[in-house]
Amino acid sequence: MTTKKVTRKKAAPKKTVFDRLEDSVIAVPFKLANKTFLAGLGLFSVIQTELSKQLDKYAKDGEKVRDEIQATFREFRKEIKEEVEDVVEEAKDVTETVRETLKKAA
């Protein structure tokens, strides 16, 4: 007895709803919405990149300004300290002079 091989034809893959409607009037708004969405993503990417560059630039500028302000403040503080030290020395000299004068007067 001989056996006959049964071969089955493979069914074509089922089309998705979108594939079936791809060329119809209904698909046009979906295609437009998809393009709009993708364009929005692309625009967001560009804006994010440019904003990041600008923020980096502003941060560097801010660091420069901060460093300048700190340097100015350090210099100002140094000058004030020197002035205070001079005043203290003068006060010590005056105090010593007053003591000597009071000792001579007594």
C-alpha atoms as a PDB file:
ATOM      1  CA  MET A   1       0.000   0.000   0.000  1.00  0.00           C
ATOM      2  CA  THR A   2       1.240   3.405  -0.902  1.00  0.00           C
ATOM      3  CA  THR A   3       0.661   6.432   1.187  1.00  0.00           C
ATOM      4  CA  LYS A   4      -0.235   9.653  -0.380  1.00  0.00           C
ATOM      5  CA  LYS A   5       1.381  12.766   1.030  1.00  0.00           C
ATOM      6  CA  VAL A   6      -1.056  15.468   1.832  1.00  0.00           C
ATOM      7  CA  THR A   7       0.344  18.905   1.290  1.00  0.00           C
ATOM      8  CA  ARG A   8      -1.395  21.888   2.628  1.00  0.00           C
ATOM      9  CA  LYS A   9      -1.156  25.294   1.151  1.00  0.00           C
ATOM     10  CA  LYS A  10       0.002  27.886   3.578  1.00  0.00           C
ATOM     11  CA  ALA A  11      -2.504  30.622   4.005  1.00  0.00           C
ATOM     12  CA  ALA A  12      -1.358  34.099   3.204  1.00  0.00           C
ATOM     13  CA  PRO A  13      -0.635  36.064   6.360  1.00  0.00           C
ATOM     14  CA  LYS A  14      -3.651  37.940   7.538  1.00  0.00           C
ATOM     15  CA  LYS A  15      -3.541  41.625   6.931  1.00  0.00           C
ATOM     16  CA  THR A  16      -3.956  43.970   9.827  1.00  0.00           C
ATOM     17  CA  VAL A  17      -6.820  46.386   9.854  1.00  0.00           C
ATOM     18  CA  PHE A  18      -4.439  49.182   8.978  1.00  0.00           C
ATOM     19  CA  ASP A  19      -3.029  47.178   6.050  1.00  0.00           C
ATOM     20  CA  ARG A  20      -6.514  46.531   4.741  1.00  0.00           C
ATOM     21  CA  LEU A  21      -7.465  50.189   5.023  1.00  0.00           C
ATOM     22  CA  GLU A  22      -4.096  51.543   3.884  1.00  0.00           C
ATOM     23  CA  ASP A  23      -5.284  52.736   0.504  1.00  0.00           C
ATOM     24  CA  SER A  24      -8.725  53.818   1.608  1.00  0.00           C
ATOM     25  CA  VAL A  25      -9.986  57.274   2.474  1.00  0.00           C
ATOM     26  CA  ILE A  26     -10.129  56.264   6.123  1.00  0.00           C
ATOM     27  CA  ALA A  27      -6.357  55.757   6.284  1.00  0.00           C
ATOM     28  CA  VAL A  28      -5.482  59.323   5.244  1.00  0.00           C
ATOM     29  CA  PRO A  29      -6.156  60.889   8.677  1.00  0.00           C
ATOM     30  CA  PHE A  30      -4.223  58.073  10.361  1.00  0.00           C
ATOM     31  CA  LYS A  31      -1.243  58.587   8.056  1.00  0.00           C
ATOM     32  CA  LEU A  32      -1.387  62.320   8.653  1.00  0.00           C
ATOM     33  CA  ALA A  33      -1.634  61.802  12.398  1.00  0.00           C
ATOM     34  CA  ASN A  34       1.307  59.404  12.294  1.00  0.00           C
ATOM     35  CA  LYS A  35       3.430  61.868  10.286  1.00  0.00           C
ATOM     36  CA  THR A  36       2.438  64.677  12.650  1.00  0.00           C
ATOM     37  CA  PHE A  37       3.370  62.573  15.661  1.00  0.00           C
ATOM     38  CA  LEU A  38       6.743  61.630  14.166  1.00  0.00           C
ATOM     39  CA  ALA A  39       7.400  65.238  13.181  1.00  0.00           C
ATOM     40  CA  GLY A  40       6.603  66.262  16.749  1.00  0.00           C
ATOM     41  CA  LEU A  41       9.080  63.723  18.084  1.00  0.00           C
ATOM     42  CA  GLY A  42      11.722  64.974  15.679  1.00  0.00           C
ATOM     43  CA  LEU A  43      11.069  68.578  16.650  1.00  0.00           C
ATOM     44  CA  PHE A  44      11.215  67.675  20.333  1.00  0.00           C
ATOM     45  CA  SER A  45      14.572  65.991  19.758  1.00  0.00           C
ATOM     46  CA  VAL A  46      15.969  69.057  17.989  1.00  0.00           C
ATOM     47  CA  ILE A  47      14.655  71.418  20.667  1.00  0.00           C
ATOM     48  CA  GLN A  48      16.041  69.214  23.425  1.00  0.00           C
ATOM     49  CA  THR A  49      19.479  69.166  21.780  1.00  0.00           C
ATOM     50  CA  GLU A  50      19.528  72.914  21.180  1.00  0.00           C
ATOM     51  CA  LEU A  51      18.203  73.657  24.667  1.00  0.00           C
ATOM     52  CA  SER A  52      20.881  71.441  26.152  1.00  0.00           C
ATOM     53  CA  LYS A  53      23.559  73.357  24.222  1.00  0.00           C
ATOM     54  CA  GLN A  54      22.129  76.690  25.356  1.00  0.00           C
ATOM     55  CA  LEU A  55      21.881  75.551  28.965  1.00  0.00           C
ATOM     56  CA  ASP A  56      25.504  74.383  28.860  1.00  0.00           C
ATOM     57  CA  LYS A  57      26.538  77.785  27.483  1.00  0.00           C
ATOM     58  CA  TYR A  58      24.539  79.633  30.143  1.00  0.00           C
ATOM     59  CA  ALA A  59      25.994  77.404  32.866  1.00  0.00           C
ATOM     60  CA  LYS A  60      29.546  78.188  31.706  1.00  0.00           C
ATOM     61  CA  ASP A  61      28.735  81.904  31.596  1.00  0.00           C
ATOM     62  CA  GLY A  62      27.241  81.637  35.078  1.00  0.00           C
ATOM     63  CA  GLU A  63      30.360  79.917  36.382  1.00  0.00           C
ATOM     64  CA  LYS A  64      32.523  82.738  34.974  1.00  0.00           C
ATOM     65  CA  VAL A  65      30.341  85.377  36.633  1.00  0.00           C
ATOM     66  CA  ARG A  66      30.371  83.457  39.924  1.00  0.00           C
ATOM     67  CA  ASP A  67      34.170  83.176  39.809  1.00  0.00           C
ATOM     68  CA  GLU A  68      34.513  86.901  39.087  1.00  0.00           C
ATOM     69  CA  ILE A  69      32.182  87.778  41.972  1.00  0.00           C
ATOM     70  CA  GLN A  70      34.050  85.460  44.334  1.00  0.00           C
ATOM     71  CA  ALA A  71      37.410  86.941  43.298  1.00  0.00           C
ATOM     72  CA  THR A  72      36.077  90.467  43.798  1.00  0.00           C
ATOM     73  CA  PHE A  73      34.646  89.527  47.180  1.00  0.00           C
ATOM     74  CA  ARG A  74      37.938  87.928  48.273  1.00  0.00           C
ATOM     75  CA  GLU A  75      39.840  91.047  47.251  1.00  0.00           C
ATOM     76  CA  PHE A  76      37.327  93.268  49.063  1.00  0.00           C
ATOM     77  CA  ARG A  77      37.540  91.095  52.173  1.00  0.00           C
ATOM     78  CA  LYS A  78      41.341  91.256  52.053  1.00  0.00           C
ATOM     79  CA  GLU A  79      41.258  95.052  51.796  1.00  0.00           C
ATOM     80  CA  ILE A  80      38.797  95.305  54.691  1.00  0.00           C
ATOM     81  CA  LYS A  81      40.953  92.988  56.797  1.00  0.00           C
ATOM     82  CA  GLU A  82      44.030  95.128  56.106  1.00  0.00           C
ATOM     83  CA  GLU A  83      42.103  98.279  57.021  1.00  0.00           C
ATOM     84  CA  VAL A  84      40.840  96.715  60.250  1.00  0.00           C
ATOM     85  CA  GLU A  85      44.344  95.565  61.137  1.00  0.00           C
ATOM     86  CA  ASP A  86      45.614  99.134  60.558  1.00  0.00           C
ATOM     87  CA  VAL A  87      42.848 100.552  62.777  1.00  0.00           C
ATOM     88  CA  VAL A  88      43.619  97.994  65.485  1.00  0.00           C
ATOM     89  CA  GLU A  89      47.319  98.897  65.361  1.00  0.00           C
ATOM     90  CA  GLU A  90      46.468 102.583  65.588  1.00  0.00           C
ATOM     91  CA  ALA A  91      44.129 101.873  68.517  1.00  0.00           C
ATOM     92  CA  LYS A  92      46.900  99.936  70.276  1.00  0.00           C
ATOM     93  CA  ASP A  93      49.315 102.820  69.692  1.00  0.00           C
ATOM     94  CA  VAL A  94      46.805 105.369  71.015  1.00  0.00           C
ATOM     95  CA  THR A  95      46.064 103.144  74.015  1.00  0.00           C
ATOM     96  CA  GLU A  96      49.763 102.853  74.788  1.00  0.00           C
ATOM     97  CA  THR A  97      50.228 106.613  74.427  1.00  0.00           C
ATOM     98  CA  VAL A  98      47.293 107.288  76.783  1.00  0.00           C
ATOM     99  CA  ARG A  99      48.705 104.844  79.359  1.00  0.00           C
ATOM    100  CA  GLU A 100      52.113 106.495  79.200  1.00  0.00           C
ATOM    101  CA  THR A 101      50.536 109.937  79.541  1.00  0.00           C
ATOM    102  CA  LEU A 102      48.464 108.805  82.539  1.00  0.00           C
ATOM    103  CA  LYS A 103      51.548 107.248  84.184  1.00  0.00           C
ATOM    104  CA  LYS A 104      53.488 110.490  83.744  1.00  0.00           C
ATOM    105  CA  ALA A 105      50.587 112.520  85.093  1.00  0.00           C
ATOM    106  CA  ALA A 106      50.168 110.371  88.188  1.00  0.00           C
END
